[in-house]
Amino acid sequence: MYVTDPRSVSRRPVRPLPRLERYVYTYRLVANNTPMQFFISVEPESGKPIAGTYTFRLSFKANGIERSLAEPTTRILTVDPRTLDFVVFIFPGKSCLPTGCLWSLRIWLRVKFTDHRIFGDDDLWVAKDPDFNSIGDASFARMKNATTGEQVYNAYIGRALVTFIVRWQNVSNDLYKYSLDYEADGVGDNLFKDFKLKLDSDPRSITFLIFSMPSNSIPAGASHKLRVWLRSLVPLPASDPTTSYVLPFNDSYIYQRIWKCDSFKIGHRLDFDSLGAKMVTAFSSGAPETIIIPNAAPLEDLHNRSTSIYTEKRQRGYDF
């Protein structure tokens, strides 16, 4: 048998990984005593600063927490992507509670004599120490316990005791992904997941403000508006002489709203009879029938549809 001397085999040169470039523009402002930063990432499809299609991504940072804003958008550029000029500004949004929290964001790309709007967001909620007590009918969750990777909150919504579980997982370096679940008397669901935050501090230092507001519904107490805010402590300047005796009730926090639901359906012993005499109630036929599935493959039945006829009608339903 002929054996080739491994030293005589020429080694193929290792090809270097392709170099992909992106260009991040940073803009800063202060509004209502809240410093904010906006990062605009300009990413060439080719990975090089040449004429072609570019993807624009936007992220927002306040008090050491960075998160994505708006959906990415694309433009075709024939100008140098490394010398772009953006016009970035915010203005107060519509009247809301708490006041001073809601902003509308606009980002325009200015090239020579022409302005192109790249991003617009009318739902940027951020403020320093907003007055949540001004929301008179709000019901606030309270933190029950916190561990290394989760925080648990309890709240009464529609007189039902609801538990909210916030979990986070480190993705890479200072990037974390968050999820929120709820549970009430053994039934729950996921509200959001894979919500990514880039943090300058320990994730355990960030807490959440979760509260609900009742919506008009029949029966009463069946529908609620649910809001989730981030809360992060504002660090005191190291040069501040008062830091040696600062008290906990003098702390300041930056709040950011990250999620909402306007139709959270839950309640305690709802009065369905209030729907009136025209309501016809079904009665139970007893214990459920157990059906044995012969193999792992799902059987074809009434519920196996690629699309649901109910999806289109979901927004038209009653409050109950």
C-alpha atoms as a PDB file:
ATOM      1  CA  MET A   1       0.000   0.000   0.000  1.00  0.00           C
ATOM      2  CA  TYR A   2       1.282   3.402  -0.939  1.00  0.00           C
ATOM      3  CA  VAL A   3       1.062   5.938   1.867  1.00  0.00           C
ATOM      4  CA  THR A   4       1.433   9.601   1.065  1.00  0.00           C
ATOM      5  CA  ASP A   5       3.770  11.520   3.271  1.00  0.00           C
ATOM      6  CA  PRO A   6       1.541  14.133   4.946  1.00  0.00           C
ATOM      7  CA  ARG A   7       4.426  16.607   4.767  1.00  0.00           C
ATOM      8  CA  SER A   8       4.310  16.413   0.962  1.00  0.00           C
ATOM      9  CA  VAL A   9       0.645  17.366   0.755  1.00  0.00           C
ATOM     10  CA  SER A  10       0.291  21.020  -0.088  1.00  0.00           C
ATOM     11  CA  ARG A  11      -1.977  22.869   2.279  1.00  0.00           C
ATOM     12  CA  ARG A  12      -4.668  25.013   0.813  1.00  0.00           C
ATOM     13  CA  PRO A  13      -4.495  28.588   1.998  1.00  0.00           C
ATOM     14  CA  VAL A  14      -7.279  29.468   4.419  1.00  0.00           C
ATOM     15  CA  ARG A  15      -9.545  32.036   2.897  1.00  0.00           C
ATOM     16  CA  PRO A  16     -10.219  34.976   5.172  1.00  0.00           C
ATOM     17  CA  LEU A  17     -13.823  35.547   6.128  1.00  0.00           C
ATOM     18  CA  PRO A  18     -15.525  38.183   4.003  1.00  0.00           C
ATOM     19  CA  ARG A  19     -15.392  41.618   5.557  1.00  0.00           C
ATOM     20  CA  LEU A  20     -18.859  43.076   5.953  1.00  0.00           C
ATOM     21  CA  GLU A  21     -19.220  46.708   6.902  1.00  0.00           C
ATOM     22  CA  ARG A  22     -22.007  48.728   8.438  1.00  0.00           C
ATOM     23  CA  TYR A  23     -22.062  52.347   9.489  1.00  0.00           C
ATOM     24  CA  VAL A  24     -23.705  53.454  12.730  1.00  0.00           C
ATOM     25  CA  TYR A  25     -24.696  57.096  13.191  1.00  0.00           C
ATOM     26  CA  THR A  26     -25.392  58.355  16.725  1.00  0.00           C
ATOM     27  CA  TYR A  27     -27.688  61.266  17.620  1.00  0.00           C
ATOM     28  CA  ARG A  28     -28.349  62.599  21.122  1.00  0.00           C
ATOM     29  CA  LEU A  29     -30.998  64.799  22.691  1.00  0.00           C
ATOM     30  CA  VAL A  30     -32.529  65.621  26.074  1.00  0.00           C
ATOM     31  CA  ALA A  31     -36.306  65.908  26.431  1.00  0.00           C
ATOM     32  CA  ASN A  32     -38.228  66.431  29.664  1.00  0.00           C
ATOM     33  CA  ASN A  33     -35.023  65.824  31.700  1.00  0.00           C
ATOM     34  CA  THR A  34     -34.473  62.483  29.948  1.00  0.00           C
ATOM     35  CA  PRO A  35     -31.261  61.977  27.921  1.00  0.00           C
ATOM     36  CA  MET A  36     -31.845  59.854  24.821  1.00  0.00           C
ATOM     37  CA  GLN A  37     -29.651  58.362  22.118  1.00  0.00           C
ATOM     38  CA  PHE A  38     -30.657  57.156  18.664  1.00  0.00           C
ATOM     39  CA  PHE A  39     -28.477  54.789  16.642  1.00  0.00           C
ATOM     40  CA  ILE A  40     -29.043  54.541  12.890  1.00  0.00           C
ATOM     41  CA  SER A  41     -27.308  51.543  11.340  1.00  0.00           C
ATOM     42  CA  VAL A  42     -26.708  51.713   7.579  1.00  0.00           C
ATOM     43  CA  GLU A  43     -25.927  48.251   6.218  1.00  0.00           C
ATOM     44  CA  PRO A  44     -24.939  47.630   2.574  1.00  0.00           C
ATOM     45  CA  GLU A  45     -26.358  44.492   1.005  1.00  0.00           C
ATOM     46  CA  SER A  46     -22.952  43.888  -0.583  1.00  0.00           C
ATOM     47  CA  GLY A  47     -21.100  44.503   2.676  1.00  0.00           C
ATOM     48  CA  LYS A  48     -19.090  47.260   1.009  1.00  0.00           C
ATOM     49  CA  PRO A  49     -19.600  51.036   0.598  1.00  0.00           C
ATOM     50  CA  ILE A  50     -20.662  50.858  -3.030  1.00  0.00           C
ATOM     51  CA  ALA A  51     -23.819  51.798  -4.898  1.00  0.00           C
ATOM     52  CA  GLY A  52     -26.653  49.409  -4.165  1.00  0.00           C
ATOM     53  CA  THR A  53     -29.356  48.440  -1.688  1.00  0.00           C
ATOM     54  CA  TYR A  54     -28.913  49.421   1.963  1.00  0.00           C
ATOM     55  CA  THR A  55     -30.854  48.380   5.044  1.00  0.00           C
ATOM     56  CA  PHE A  56     -31.527  51.042   7.694  1.00  0.00           C
ATOM     57  CA  ARG A  57     -32.063  49.904  11.286  1.00  0.00           C
ATOM     58  CA  LEU A  58     -32.939  52.060  14.277  1.00  0.00           C
ATOM     59  CA  SER A  59     -32.286  51.521  17.974  1.00  0.00           C
ATOM     60  CA  PHE A  60     -32.939  53.721  20.991  1.00  0.00           C
ATOM     61  CA  LYS A  61     -31.032  54.039  24.258  1.00  0.00           C
ATOM     62  CA  ALA A  62     -32.005  55.636  27.555  1.00  0.00           C
ATOM     63  CA  ASN A  63     -30.333  55.201  30.938  1.00  0.00           C
ATOM     64  CA  GLY A  64     -28.102  52.349  29.772  1.00  0.00           C
ATOM     65  CA  ILE A  65     -30.855  50.318  28.057  1.00  0.00           C
ATOM     66  CA  GLU A  66     -30.829  49.962  24.277  1.00  0.00           C
ATOM     67  CA  ARG A  67     -33.673  48.453  22.263  1.00  0.00           C
ATOM     68  CA  SER A  68     -34.812  48.281  18.678  1.00  0.00           C
ATOM     69  CA  LEU A  69     -37.325  50.780  17.324  1.00  0.00           C
ATOM     70  CA  ALA A  70     -39.437  50.583  14.177  1.00  0.00           C
ATOM     71  CA  GLU A  71     -39.083  48.056  11.386  1.00  0.00           C
ATOM     72  CA  PRO A  72     -35.943  47.978   9.231  1.00  0.00           C
ATOM     73  CA  THR A  73     -36.319  49.721   5.889  1.00  0.00           C
ATOM     74  CA  THR A  74     -34.323  49.667   2.659  1.00  0.00           C
ATOM     75  CA  ARG A  75     -33.158  52.335   0.214  1.00  0.00           C
ATOM     76  CA  ILE A  76     -30.999  52.288  -2.895  1.00  0.00           C
ATOM     77  CA  LEU A  77     -27.983  54.567  -2.416  1.00  0.00           C
ATOM     78  CA  THR A  78     -25.560  55.912  -4.973  1.00  0.00           C
ATOM     79  CA  VAL A  79     -23.985  58.307  -2.454  1.00  0.00           C
ATOM     80  CA  ASP A  80     -21.231  57.503   0.037  1.00  0.00           C
ATOM     81  CA  PRO A  81     -22.928  55.754   3.021  1.00  0.00           C
ATOM     82  CA  ARG A  82     -20.127  56.953   5.311  1.00  0.00           C
ATOM     83  CA  THR A  83     -20.974  60.656   4.922  1.00  0.00           C
ATOM     84  CA  LEU A  84     -24.733  60.728   5.431  1.00  0.00           C
ATOM     85  CA  ASP A  85     -26.602  63.455   7.292  1.00  0.00           C
ATOM     86  CA  PHE A  86     -29.785  62.745   9.240  1.00  0.00           C
ATOM     87  CA  VAL A  87     -32.361  65.054  10.799  1.00  0.00           C
ATOM     88  CA  VAL A  88     -33.566  63.442  14.042  1.00  0.00           C
ATOM     89  CA  PHE A  89     -36.236  65.024  16.241  1.00  0.00           C
ATOM     90  CA  ILE A  90     -39.110  64.213  18.579  1.00  0.00           C
ATOM     91  CA  PHE A  91     -42.221  66.149  19.557  1.00  0.00           C
ATOM     92  CA  PRO A  92     -44.945  65.541  22.167  1.00  0.00           C
ATOM     93  CA  GLY A  93     -47.551  62.995  21.178  1.00  0.00           C
ATOM     94  CA  LYS A  94     -51.269  63.173  21.771  1.00  0.00           C
ATOM     95  CA  SER A  95     -52.569  63.785  25.261  1.00  0.00           C
ATOM     96  CA  CYS A  96     -51.991  60.789  27.485  1.00  0.00           C
ATOM     97  CA  LEU A  97     -51.535  59.590  31.029  1.00  0.00           C
ATOM     98  CA  PRO A  98     -49.046  59.864  32.576  1.00  0.00           C
ATOM     99  CA  THR A  99     -48.342  63.235  30.980  1.00  0.00           C
ATOM    100  CA  GLY A 100     -44.980  63.958  29.388  1.00  0.00           C
ATOM    101  CA  CYS A 101     -44.320  60.314  28.441  1.00  0.00           C
ATOM    102  CA  LEU A 102     -45.457  59.983  24.836  1.00  0.00           C
ATOM    103  CA  TRP A 103     -43.316  61.208  21.948  1.00  0.00           C
ATOM    104  CA  SER A 104     -43.482  61.104  18.177  1.00  0.00           C
ATOM    105  CA  LEU A 105     -40.152  60.404  16.486  1.00  0.00           C
ATOM    106  CA  ARG A 106     -39.097  61.418  12.985  1.00  0.00           C
ATOM    107  CA  ILE A 107     -35.852  60.620  11.170  1.00  0.00           C
ATOM    108  CA  TRP A 108     -35.101  62.096   7.763  1.00  0.00           C
ATOM    109  CA  LEU A 109     -32.107  61.517   5.516  1.00  0.00           C
ATOM    110  CA  ARG A 110     -30.837  64.778   4.008  1.00  0.00           C
ATOM    111  CA  VAL A 111     -28.844  64.447   0.792  1.00  0.00           C
ATOM    112  CA  LYS A 112     -27.905  67.711  -0.933  1.00  0.00           C
ATOM    113  CA  PHE A 113     -31.223  69.511  -1.490  1.00  0.00           C
ATOM    114  CA  THR A 114     -33.574  66.597  -0.839  1.00  0.00           C
ATOM    115  CA  ASP A 115     -34.934  65.119   2.409  1.00  0.00           C
ATOM    116  CA  HIS A 116     -36.097  61.496   2.546  1.00  0.00           C
ATOM    117  CA  ARG A 117     -38.089  60.229   5.530  1.00  0.00           C
ATOM    118  CA  ILE A 118     -36.565  57.001   6.813  1.00  0.00           C
ATOM    119  CA  PHE A 119     -38.323  56.359  10.155  1.00  0.00           C
ATOM    120  CA  GLY A 120     -41.472  57.555  11.890  1.00  0.00           C
ATOM    121  CA  ASP A 121     -42.771  56.314  15.243  1.00  0.00           C
ATOM    122  CA  ASP A 122     -45.710  57.814  17.141  1.00  0.00           C
ATOM    123  CA  ASP A 123     -45.496  55.395  20.055  1.00  0.00           C
ATOM    124  CA  LEU A 124     -42.264  56.227  21.882  1.00  0.00           C
ATOM    125  CA  TRP A 125     -43.015  56.176  25.616  1.00  0.00           C
ATOM    126  CA  VAL A 126     -40.192  57.294  27.897  1.00  0.00           C
ATOM    127  CA  ALA A 127     -39.939  59.670  30.855  1.00  0.00           C
ATOM    128  CA  LYS A 128     -38.192  60.354  34.118  1.00  0.00           C
ATOM    129  CA  ASP A 129     -40.359  59.778  37.212  1.00  0.00           C
ATOM    130  CA  PRO A 130     -43.792  60.030  35.528  1.00  0.00           C
ATOM    131  CA  ASP A 131     -46.859  60.302  37.753  1.00  0.00           C
ATOM    132  CA  PHE A 132     -48.547  56.926  37.352  1.00  0.00           C
ATOM    133  CA  ASN A 133     -50.892  57.791  40.215  1.00  0.00           C
ATOM    134  CA  SER A 134     -52.638  60.139  37.786  1.00  0.00           C
ATOM    135  CA  ILE A 135     -54.169  57.034  36.168  1.00  0.00           C
ATOM    136  CA  GLY A 136     -57.022  56.788  38.624  1.00  0.00           C
ATOM    137  CA  ASP A 137     -58.446  53.402  37.600  1.00  0.00           C
ATOM    138  CA  ALA A 138     -55.115  51.576  37.210  1.00  0.00           C
ATOM    139  CA  SER A 139     -54.386  48.373  39.124  1.00  0.00           C
ATOM    140  CA  PHE A 140     -50.647  47.859  39.669  1.00  0.00           C
ATOM    141  CA  ALA A 141     -48.807  44.569  40.008  1.00  0.00           C
ATOM    142  CA  ARG A 142     -46.422  44.059  42.916  1.00  0.00           C
ATOM    143  CA  MET A 143     -43.178  42.129  42.804  1.00  0.00           C
ATOM    144  CA  LYS A 144     -43.504  38.863  44.703  1.00  0.00           C
ATOM    145  CA  ASN A 145     -39.946  37.579  44.330  1.00  0.00           C
ATOM    146  CA  ALA A 146     -36.884  37.811  42.109  1.00  0.00           C
ATOM    147  CA  THR A 147     -34.177  35.282  41.263  1.00  0.00           C
ATOM    148  CA  THR A 148     -31.148  35.217  38.986  1.00  0.00           C
ATOM    149  CA  GLY A 149     -33.130  34.882  35.767  1.00  0.00           C
ATOM    150  CA  GLU A 150     -36.714  35.902  36.524  1.00  0.00           C
ATOM    151  CA  GLN A 151     -39.020  38.248  38.396  1.00  0.00           C
ATOM    152  CA  VAL A 152     -42.534  37.355  39.556  1.00  0.00           C
ATOM    153  CA  TYR A 153     -45.323  39.909  39.963  1.00  0.00           C
ATOM    154  CA  ASN A 154     -48.856  39.543  41.335  1.00  0.00           C
ATOM    155  CA  ALA A 155     -51.833  41.662  40.321  1.00  0.00           C
ATOM    156  CA  TYR A 156     -55.603  41.692  40.663  1.00  0.00           C
ATOM    157  CA  ILE A 157     -57.265  42.132  37.271  1.00  0.00           C
ATOM    158  CA  GLY A 158     -61.031  41.961  37.128  1.00  0.00           C
ATOM    159  CA  ARG A 159     -60.797  40.776  40.765  1.00  0.00           C
ATOM    160  CA  ALA A 160     -58.853  37.716  39.542  1.00  0.00           C
ATOM    161  CA  LEU A 161     -55.382  37.070  40.974  1.00  0.00           C
ATOM    162  CA  VAL A 162     -52.942  37.037  38.045  1.00  0.00           C
ATOM    163  CA  THR A 163     -49.243  36.170  38.243  1.00  0.00           C
ATOM    164  CA  PHE A 164     -46.807  37.648  35.717  1.00  0.00           C
ATOM    165  CA  ILE A 165     -43.395  36.039  35.199  1.00  0.00           C
ATOM    166  CA  VAL A 166     -40.623  38.018  33.514  1.00  0.00           C
ATOM    167  CA  ARG A 167     -37.694  35.876  32.351  1.00  0.00           C
ATOM    168  CA  TRP A 168     -34.438  36.832  30.686  1.00  0.00           C
ATOM    169  CA  GLN A 169     -31.554  34.985  29.091  1.00  0.00           C
ATOM    170  CA  ASN A 170     -28.109  36.179  28.079  1.00  0.00           C
ATOM    171  CA  VAL A 171     -27.596  35.955  24.317  1.00  0.00           C
ATOM    172  CA  SER A 172     -24.091  37.389  23.979  1.00  0.00           C
ATOM    173  CA  ASN A 173     -22.003  39.814  26.001  1.00  0.00           C
ATOM    174  CA  ASP A 174     -24.447  42.514  27.134  1.00  0.00           C
ATOM    175  CA  LEU A 175     -27.383  41.383  24.955  1.00  0.00           C
ATOM    176  CA  TYR A 176     -30.383  39.743  26.658  1.00  0.00           C
ATOM    177  CA  LYS A 177     -33.727  38.427  25.456  1.00  0.00           C
ATOM    178  CA  TYR A 178     -36.823  38.792  27.626  1.00  0.00           C
ATOM    179  CA  SER A 179     -40.175  37.027  27.801  1.00  0.00           C
ATOM    180  CA  LEU A 180     -43.382  37.631  29.742  1.00  0.00           C
ATOM    181  CA  ASP A 181     -45.921  34.965  30.756  1.00  0.00           C
ATOM    182  CA  TYR A 182     -49.033  35.150  32.876  1.00  0.00           C
ATOM    183  CA  GLU A 183     -50.887  32.529  34.935  1.00  0.00           C
ATOM    184  CA  ALA A 184     -54.151  32.522  36.861  1.00  0.00           C
ATOM    185  CA  ASP A 185     -55.529  29.440  38.627  1.00  0.00           C
ATOM    186  CA  GLY A 186     -53.544  27.027  36.481  1.00  0.00           C
ATOM    187  CA  VAL A 187     -54.197  28.658  33.095  1.00  0.00           C
ATOM    188  CA  GLY A 188     -51.837  31.071  31.367  1.00  0.00           C
ATOM    189  CA  ASP A 189     -50.107  32.090  28.194  1.00  0.00           C
ATOM    190  CA  ASN A 190     -47.065  33.819  26.775  1.00  0.00           C
ATOM    191  CA  LEU A 191     -47.545  37.553  26.207  1.00  0.00           C
ATOM    192  CA  PHE A 192     -44.245  38.241  24.458  1.00  0.00           C
ATOM    193  CA  LYS A 193     -40.887  36.538  23.936  1.00  0.00           C
ATOM    194  CA  ASP A 194     -37.486  37.152  22.358  1.00  0.00           C
ATOM    195  CA  PHE A 195     -37.703  40.847  23.228  1.00  0.00           C
ATOM    196  CA  LYS A 196     -34.059  41.919  23.060  1.00  0.00           C
ATOM    197  CA  LEU A 197     -32.347  44.505  25.244  1.00  0.00           C
ATOM    198  CA  LYS A 198     -28.743  45.612  25.309  1.00  0.00           C
ATOM    199  CA  LEU A 199     -27.785  46.519  28.859  1.00  0.00           C
ATOM    200  CA  ASP A 200     -24.962  48.508  30.395  1.00  0.00           C
ATOM    201  CA  SER A 201     -25.755  47.099  33.853  1.00  0.00           C
ATOM    202  CA  ASP A 202     -26.772  43.911  35.641  1.00  0.00           C
ATOM    203  CA  PRO A 203     -30.182  42.729  34.336  1.00  0.00           C
ATOM    204  CA  ARG A 204     -31.283  42.200  37.924  1.00  0.00           C
ATOM    205  CA  SER A 205     -31.153  45.978  38.425  1.00  0.00           C
ATOM    206  CA  ILE A 206     -34.008  46.443  35.952  1.00  0.00           C
ATOM    207  CA  THR A 207     -37.556  46.016  37.220  1.00  0.00           C
ATOM    208  CA  PHE A 208     -40.945  46.234  35.542  1.00  0.00           C
ATOM    209  CA  LEU A 209     -44.095  48.226  36.118  1.00  0.00           C
ATOM    210  CA  ILE A 210     -47.112  46.155  35.081  1.00  0.00           C
ATOM    211  CA  PHE A 211     -50.619  47.543  35.421  1.00  0.00           C
ATOM    212  CA  SER A 212     -54.102  47.198  33.976  1.00  0.00           C
ATOM    213  CA  MET A 213     -57.047  49.503  33.367  1.00  0.00           C
ATOM    214  CA  PRO A 214     -60.642  48.288  32.986  1.00  0.00           C
ATOM    215  CA  SER A 215     -62.356  48.628  29.609  1.00  0.00           C
ATOM    216  CA  ASN A 216     -66.086  48.908  29.006  1.00  0.00           C
ATOM    217  CA  SER A 217     -67.433  45.380  28.713  1.00  0.00           C
ATOM    218  CA  ILE A 218     -70.436  43.174  29.264  1.00  0.00           C
ATOM    219  CA  PRO A 219     -70.178  41.447  31.636  1.00  0.00           C
ATOM    220  CA  ALA A 220     -68.386  44.067  33.690  1.00  0.00           C
ATOM    221  CA  GLY A 221     -64.759  43.310  34.520  1.00  0.00           C
ATOM    222  CA  ALA A 222     -64.169  41.047  31.509  1.00  0.00           C
ATOM    223  CA  SER A 223     -61.859  43.221  29.397  1.00  0.00           C
ATOM    224  CA  HIS A 224     -58.792  45.223  30.373  1.00  0.00           C
ATOM    225  CA  LYS A 225     -55.957  47.285  28.968  1.00  0.00           C
ATOM    226  CA  LEU A 226     -52.588  45.872  30.005  1.00  0.00           C
ATOM    227  CA  ARG A 227     -49.360  47.908  30.044  1.00  0.00           C
ATOM    228  CA  VAL A 228     -45.744  46.864  30.672  1.00  0.00           C
ATOM    229  CA  TRP A 229     -42.992  49.406  31.418  1.00  0.00           C
ATOM    230  CA  LEU A 230     -39.276  49.051  32.095  1.00  0.00           C
ATOM    231  CA  ARG A 231     -37.924  50.782  35.181  1.00  0.00           C
ATOM    232  CA  SER A 232     -34.224  51.599  35.640  1.00  0.00           C
ATOM    233  CA  LEU A 233     -32.557  53.575  38.416  1.00  0.00           C
ATOM    234  CA  VAL A 234     -30.873  56.824  37.405  1.00  0.00           C
ATOM    235  CA  PRO A 235     -27.295  56.718  38.752  1.00  0.00           C
ATOM    236  CA  LEU A 236     -26.168  59.687  40.791  1.00  0.00           C
ATOM    237  CA  PRO A 237     -23.131  61.631  39.577  1.00  0.00           C
ATOM    238  CA  ALA A 238     -19.959  60.561  41.358  1.00  0.00           C
ATOM    239  CA  SER A 239     -19.103  64.204  41.986  1.00  0.00           C
ATOM    240  CA  ASP A 240     -22.415  64.914  43.721  1.00  0.00           C
ATOM    241  CA  PRO A 241     -21.636  65.652  47.408  1.00  0.00           C
ATOM    242  CA  THR A 242     -25.120  64.489  48.451  1.00  0.00           C
ATOM    243  CA  THR A 243     -24.496  60.877  47.361  1.00  0.00           C
ATOM    244  CA  SER A 244     -23.111  59.985  50.772  1.00  0.00           C
ATOM    245  CA  TYR A 245     -26.487  60.456  52.432  1.00  0.00           C
ATOM    246  CA  VAL A 246     -29.024  59.967  49.654  1.00  0.00           C
ATOM    247  CA  LEU A 247     -32.240  58.267  50.802  1.00  0.00           C
ATOM    248  CA  PRO A 248     -34.170  55.567  48.896  1.00  0.00           C
ATOM    249  CA  PHE A 249     -37.293  57.712  48.500  1.00  0.00           C
ATOM    250  CA  ASN A 250     -35.199  60.333  46.689  1.00  0.00           C
ATOM    251  CA  ASP A 251     -34.245  57.915  43.893  1.00  0.00           C
ATOM    252  CA  SER A 252     -35.126  58.773  40.316  1.00  0.00           C
ATOM    253  CA  TYR A 253     -36.072  56.284  37.617  1.00  0.00           C
ATOM    254  CA  ILE A 254     -36.362  56.261  33.855  1.00  0.00           C
ATOM    255  CA  TYR A 255     -39.484  54.463  32.632  1.00  0.00           C
ATOM    256  CA  GLN A 256     -40.008  53.071  29.123  1.00  0.00           C
ATOM    257  CA  ARG A 257     -43.160  51.417  27.874  1.00  0.00           C
ATOM    258  CA  ILE A 258     -42.265  48.271  25.940  1.00  0.00           C
ATOM    259  CA  TRP A 259     -45.553  46.402  25.450  1.00  0.00           C
ATOM    260  CA  LYS A 260     -49.316  46.865  25.558  1.00  0.00           C
ATOM    261  CA  CYS A 261     -52.528  44.921  25.051  1.00  0.00           C
ATOM    262  CA  ASP A 262     -55.907  46.645  24.740  1.00  0.00           C
ATOM    263  CA  SER A 263     -58.024  43.492  25.049  1.00  0.00           C
ATOM    264  CA  PHE A 264     -56.762  41.357  27.924  1.00  0.00           C
ATOM    265  CA  LYS A 265     -59.733  39.090  28.697  1.00  0.00           C
ATOM    266  CA  ILE A 266     -59.894  37.750  32.239  1.00  0.00           C
ATOM    267  CA  GLY A 267     -62.088  38.137  35.313  1.00  0.00           C
ATOM    268  CA  HIS A 268     -63.248  36.591  38.575  1.00  0.00           C
ATOM    269  CA  ARG A 269     -66.663  34.879  38.542  1.00  0.00           C
ATOM    270  CA  LEU A 270     -68.032  37.092  35.792  1.00  0.00           C
ATOM    271  CA  ASP A 271     -71.784  37.734  35.750  1.00  0.00           C
ATOM    272  CA  PHE A 272     -72.657  36.320  32.331  1.00  0.00           C
ATOM    273  CA  ASP A 273     -76.372  36.549  33.175  1.00  0.00           C
ATOM    274  CA  SER A 274     -76.003  40.305  32.725  1.00  0.00           C
ATOM    275  CA  LEU A 275     -76.030  39.708  28.953  1.00  0.00           C
ATOM    276  CA  GLY A 276     -79.805  39.505  29.244  1.00  0.00           C
ATOM    277  CA  ALA A 277     -82.709  37.150  28.706  1.00  0.00           C
ATOM    278  CA  LYS A 278     -81.838  36.508  25.042  1.00  0.00           C
ATOM    279  CA  MET A 279     -78.664  34.676  26.031  1.00  0.00           C
ATOM    280  CA  VAL A 280     -78.934  30.886  25.622  1.00  0.00           C
ATOM    281  CA  THR A 281     -76.519  28.904  27.777  1.00  0.00           C
ATOM    282  CA  ALA A 282     -75.254  25.424  26.901  1.00  0.00           C
ATOM    283  CA  PHE A 283     -75.040  22.666  29.502  1.00  0.00           C
ATOM    284  CA  SER A 284     -72.310  20.096  30.004  1.00  0.00           C
ATOM    285  CA  SER A 285     -72.755  16.514  28.787  1.00  0.00           C
ATOM    286  CA  GLY A 286     -70.471  15.188  31.505  1.00  0.00           C
ATOM    287  CA  ALA A 287     -66.826  14.160  31.604  1.00  0.00           C
ATOM    288  CA  PRO A 288     -64.752  14.606  28.441  1.00  0.00           C
ATOM    289  CA  GLU A 289     -64.342  11.729  25.985  1.00  0.00           C
ATOM    290  CA  THR A 290     -60.794  10.396  25.800  1.00  0.00           C
ATOM    291  CA  ILE A 291     -59.624   9.787  22.229  1.00  0.00           C
ATOM    292  CA  ILE A 292     -56.567   7.600  21.666  1.00  0.00           C
ATOM    293  CA  ILE A 293     -54.287   8.810  18.872  1.00  0.00           C
ATOM    294  CA  PRO A 294     -52.767   5.729  17.150  1.00  0.00           C
ATOM    295  CA  ASN A 295     -49.507   7.362  16.071  1.00  0.00           C
ATOM    296  CA  ALA A 296     -47.509  10.544  16.401  1.00  0.00           C
ATOM    297  CA  ALA A 297     -48.803  11.969  13.121  1.00  0.00           C
ATOM    298  CA  PRO A 298     -51.814  14.231  13.701  1.00  0.00           C
ATOM    299  CA  LEU A 299     -55.078  12.905  12.332  1.00  0.00           C
ATOM    300  CA  GLU A 300     -57.075  14.961   9.891  1.00  0.00           C
ATOM    301  CA  ASP A 301     -60.020  16.494  11.689  1.00  0.00           C
ATOM    302  CA  LEU A 302     -62.153  19.618  11.793  1.00  0.00           C
ATOM    303  CA  HIS A 303     -59.402  21.696  13.394  1.00  0.00           C
ATOM    304  CA  ASN A 304     -56.586  20.913  10.928  1.00  0.00           C
ATOM    305  CA  ARG A 305     -56.616  24.024   8.774  1.00  0.00           C
ATOM    306  CA  SER A 306     -53.710  25.888   7.267  1.00  0.00           C
ATOM    307  CA  THR A 307     -55.637  29.133   7.742  1.00  0.00           C
ATOM    308  CA  SER A 308     -58.457  29.963  10.090  1.00  0.00           C
ATOM    309  CA  ILE A 309     -61.724  31.554   9.074  1.00  0.00           C
ATOM    310  CA  TYR A 310     -61.787  33.089  12.538  1.00  0.00           C
ATOM    311  CA  THR A 311     -58.614  35.121  12.128  1.00  0.00           C
ATOM    312  CA  GLU A 312     -60.336  37.760  10.037  1.00  0.00           C
ATOM    313  CA  LYS A 313     -63.221  38.093  12.487  1.00  0.00           C
ATOM    314  CA  ARG A 314     -61.156  38.203  15.662  1.00  0.00           C
ATOM    315  CA  GLN A 315     -61.240  41.989  15.910  1.00  0.00           C
ATOM    316  CA  ARG A 316     -65.030  42.057  15.586  1.00  0.00           C
ATOM    317  CA  GLY A 317     -65.832  40.027  18.684  1.00  0.00           C
ATOM    318  CA  TYR A 318     -67.684  41.088  21.788  1.00  0.00           C
ATOM    319  CA  ASP A 319     -65.865  41.989  24.999  1.00  0.00           C
ATOM    320  CA  PHE A 320     -66.650  38.625  26.483  1.00  0.00           C
END
